[in-house]
Amino acid sequence: MSASDEKKPSVPSSHVTVSISTQKKEMSVYFRIKKDVELCKMMKAYCDKFGIEMSTLRFHFDGDRIKPNQTPSELGLEDGDEIDAFFDQDGGRSFCYRY
């Protein structure tokens, strides 16, 4: 049997496999999603898996924030691409009180 005769599991061309990960790499998960489905389904599934409110995370691809109504086709996602999930942080200003 030659290498070309071996069957490789293939992802249908209508699907894409991507990973979502946070700064903590142990929270990395792979998803296979249709290219024309809104990414909010994948975002919600990721948050549900870890028991996180969706409003506490920001999802980014190639440095741009992902809107929940965007699709993999709109973003140009390809197999093996990685989506970054950042914990949302409000503020950032520190106060120094002198007594």
C-alpha atoms as a PDB file:
ATOM      1  CA  MET A   1       0.000   0.000   0.000  1.00  0.00           C
ATOM      2  CA  SER A   2       1.547   3.302  -1.014  1.00  0.00           C
ATOM      3  CA  ALA A   3       1.314   6.568   0.900  1.00  0.00           C
ATOM      4  CA  SER A   4      -1.209   7.909  -1.577  1.00  0.00           C
ATOM      5  CA  ASP A   5      -3.511   4.924  -0.957  1.00  0.00           C
ATOM      6  CA  GLU A   6      -3.708   5.592   2.782  1.00  0.00           C
ATOM      7  CA  LYS A   7      -6.887   7.315   3.811  1.00  0.00           C
ATOM      8  CA  LYS A   8      -6.502  10.422   5.936  1.00  0.00           C
ATOM      9  CA  PRO A   9      -9.432  11.681   7.957  1.00  0.00           C
ATOM     10  CA  SER A  10     -10.521  14.772   6.122  1.00  0.00           C
ATOM     11  CA  VAL A  11     -12.552  17.756   7.119  1.00  0.00           C
ATOM     12  CA  PRO A  12     -15.258  18.609   4.595  1.00  0.00           C
ATOM     13  CA  SER A  13     -14.475  21.755   2.619  1.00  0.00           C
ATOM     14  CA  SER A  14     -17.553  23.367   4.153  1.00  0.00           C
ATOM     15  CA  HIS A  15     -15.934  23.095   7.618  1.00  0.00           C
ATOM     16  CA  VAL A  16     -12.875  24.547   9.303  1.00  0.00           C
ATOM     17  CA  THR A  17     -11.016  23.318  12.399  1.00  0.00           C
ATOM     18  CA  VAL A  18      -9.721  26.066  14.698  1.00  0.00           C
ATOM     19  CA  SER A  19      -8.519  26.276  18.265  1.00  0.00           C
ATOM     20  CA  ILE A  20      -9.426  28.757  20.972  1.00  0.00           C
ATOM     21  CA  SER A  21      -6.942  29.362  23.750  1.00  0.00           C
ATOM     22  CA  THR A  22      -6.343  31.801  26.568  1.00  0.00           C
ATOM     23  CA  GLN A  23      -3.105  32.861  28.179  1.00  0.00           C
ATOM     24  CA  LYS A  24      -3.434  29.601  30.132  1.00  0.00           C
ATOM     25  CA  LYS A  25      -2.646  27.017  27.468  1.00  0.00           C
ATOM     26  CA  GLU A  26      -4.482  24.293  29.425  1.00  0.00           C
ATOM     27  CA  MET A  27      -7.686  26.057  28.385  1.00  0.00           C
ATOM     28  CA  SER A  28      -7.072  25.342  24.690  1.00  0.00           C
ATOM     29  CA  VAL A  29      -9.903  23.626  22.790  1.00  0.00           C
ATOM     30  CA  TYR A  30     -10.323  22.609  19.144  1.00  0.00           C
ATOM     31  CA  PHE A  31     -13.586  23.186  17.303  1.00  0.00           C
ATOM     32  CA  ARG A  32     -14.804  22.089  13.892  1.00  0.00           C
ATOM     33  CA  ILE A  33     -17.374  24.526  12.607  1.00  0.00           C
ATOM     34  CA  LYS A  34     -19.112  25.217   9.319  1.00  0.00           C
ATOM     35  CA  LYS A  35     -17.716  28.189   7.439  1.00  0.00           C
ATOM     36  CA  ASP A  36     -21.117  29.876   7.203  1.00  0.00           C
ATOM     37  CA  VAL A  37     -22.179  29.553  10.876  1.00  0.00           C
ATOM     38  CA  GLU A  38     -21.931  32.563  13.190  1.00  0.00           C
ATOM     39  CA  LEU A  39     -19.006  32.269  15.594  1.00  0.00           C
ATOM     40  CA  CYS A  40     -21.211  33.050  18.619  1.00  0.00           C
ATOM     41  CA  LYS A  41     -22.109  29.323  18.728  1.00  0.00           C
ATOM     42  CA  MET A  42     -18.451  28.362  19.089  1.00  0.00           C
ATOM     43  CA  MET A  43     -17.772  31.170  21.579  1.00  0.00           C
ATOM     44  CA  LYS A  44     -20.722  30.076  23.722  1.00  0.00           C
ATOM     45  CA  ALA A  45     -19.627  26.424  23.612  1.00  0.00           C
ATOM     46  CA  TYR A  46     -16.127  27.441  24.750  1.00  0.00           C
ATOM     47  CA  CYS A  47     -17.489  29.483  27.654  1.00  0.00           C
ATOM     48  CA  ASP A  48     -19.924  26.734  28.673  1.00  0.00           C
ATOM     49  CA  LYS A  49     -17.104  24.174  28.724  1.00  0.00           C
ATOM     50  CA  PHE A  50     -15.174  26.180  31.316  1.00  0.00           C
ATOM     51  CA  GLY A  51     -18.139  27.720  33.158  1.00  0.00           C
ATOM     52  CA  ILE A  52     -17.231  31.260  32.114  1.00  0.00           C
ATOM     53  CA  GLU A  53     -19.679  34.060  31.325  1.00  0.00           C
ATOM     54  CA  MET A  54     -19.330  35.016  27.657  1.00  0.00           C
ATOM     55  CA  SER A  55     -19.258  38.696  28.614  1.00  0.00           C
ATOM     56  CA  THR A  56     -15.984  38.177  30.518  1.00  0.00           C
ATOM     57  CA  LEU A  57     -14.010  37.115  27.419  1.00  0.00           C
ATOM     58  CA  ARG A  58     -12.915  38.934  24.271  1.00  0.00           C
ATOM     59  CA  PHE A  59     -12.116  36.801  21.230  1.00  0.00           C
ATOM     60  CA  HIS A  60      -9.446  37.925  18.741  1.00  0.00           C
ATOM     61  CA  PHE A  61      -8.093  36.590  15.451  1.00  0.00           C
ATOM     62  CA  ASP A  62      -4.917  38.101  13.979  1.00  0.00           C
ATOM     63  CA  GLY A  63      -5.155  40.990  16.432  1.00  0.00           C
ATOM     64  CA  ASP A  64      -8.712  41.966  15.468  1.00  0.00           C
ATOM     65  CA  ARG A  65     -11.650  41.531  17.805  1.00  0.00           C
ATOM     66  CA  ILE A  66     -14.223  39.011  16.602  1.00  0.00           C
ATOM     67  CA  LYS A  67     -17.870  40.017  16.575  1.00  0.00           C
ATOM     68  CA  PRO A  68     -20.241  37.185  17.547  1.00  0.00           C
ATOM     69  CA  ASN A  69     -22.231  37.523  14.311  1.00  0.00           C
ATOM     70  CA  GLN A  70     -19.163  37.035  12.066  1.00  0.00           C
ATOM     71  CA  THR A  71     -18.549  33.734  10.282  1.00  0.00           C
ATOM     72  CA  PRO A  72     -15.307  31.848   9.612  1.00  0.00           C
ATOM     73  CA  SER A  73     -15.653  32.737   5.918  1.00  0.00           C
ATOM     74  CA  GLU A  74     -15.843  36.469   6.696  1.00  0.00           C
ATOM     75  CA  LEU A  75     -12.685  36.260   8.806  1.00  0.00           C
ATOM     76  CA  GLY A  76     -10.836  34.042   6.345  1.00  0.00           C
ATOM     77  CA  LEU A  77     -10.286  31.305   8.934  1.00  0.00           C
ATOM     78  CA  GLU A  78      -8.419  28.247   7.695  1.00  0.00           C
ATOM     79  CA  ASP A  79      -7.709  24.843   9.236  1.00  0.00           C
ATOM     80  CA  GLY A  80      -5.326  25.112  12.155  1.00  0.00           C
ATOM     81  CA  ASP A  81      -5.885  28.824  12.841  1.00  0.00           C
ATOM     82  CA  GLU A  82      -5.928  29.936  16.470  1.00  0.00           C
ATOM     83  CA  ILE A  83      -8.375  32.305  18.104  1.00  0.00           C
ATOM     84  CA  ASP A  84      -7.194  34.091  21.234  1.00  0.00           C
ATOM     85  CA  ALA A  85      -9.550  34.535  24.179  1.00  0.00           C
ATOM     86  CA  PHE A  86      -8.649  37.336  26.580  1.00  0.00           C
ATOM     87  CA  PHE A  87     -10.270  37.960  29.929  1.00  0.00           C
ATOM     88  CA  ASP A  88     -11.975  41.341  29.767  1.00  0.00           C
ATOM     89  CA  GLN A  89     -10.518  43.963  32.052  1.00  0.00           C
ATOM     90  CA  ASP A  90     -12.298  47.143  32.993  1.00  0.00           C
ATOM     91  CA  GLY A  91     -10.454  50.216  34.084  1.00  0.00           C
ATOM     92  CA  GLY A  92      -6.758  49.913  34.549  1.00  0.00           C
ATOM     93  CA  ARG A  93      -6.263  53.059  36.558  1.00  0.00           C
ATOM     94  CA  SER A  94      -4.766  52.601  39.968  1.00  0.00           C
ATOM     95  CA  PHE A  95      -5.351  54.918  42.866  1.00  0.00           C
ATOM     96  CA  CYS A  96      -2.765  55.820  45.425  1.00  0.00           C
ATOM     97  CA  TYR A  97      -4.201  57.126  48.631  1.00  0.00           C
ATOM     98  CA  ARG A  98      -2.037  59.051  51.058  1.00  0.00           C
ATOM     99  CA  TYR A  99      -3.009  59.135  54.678  1.00  0.00           C
END
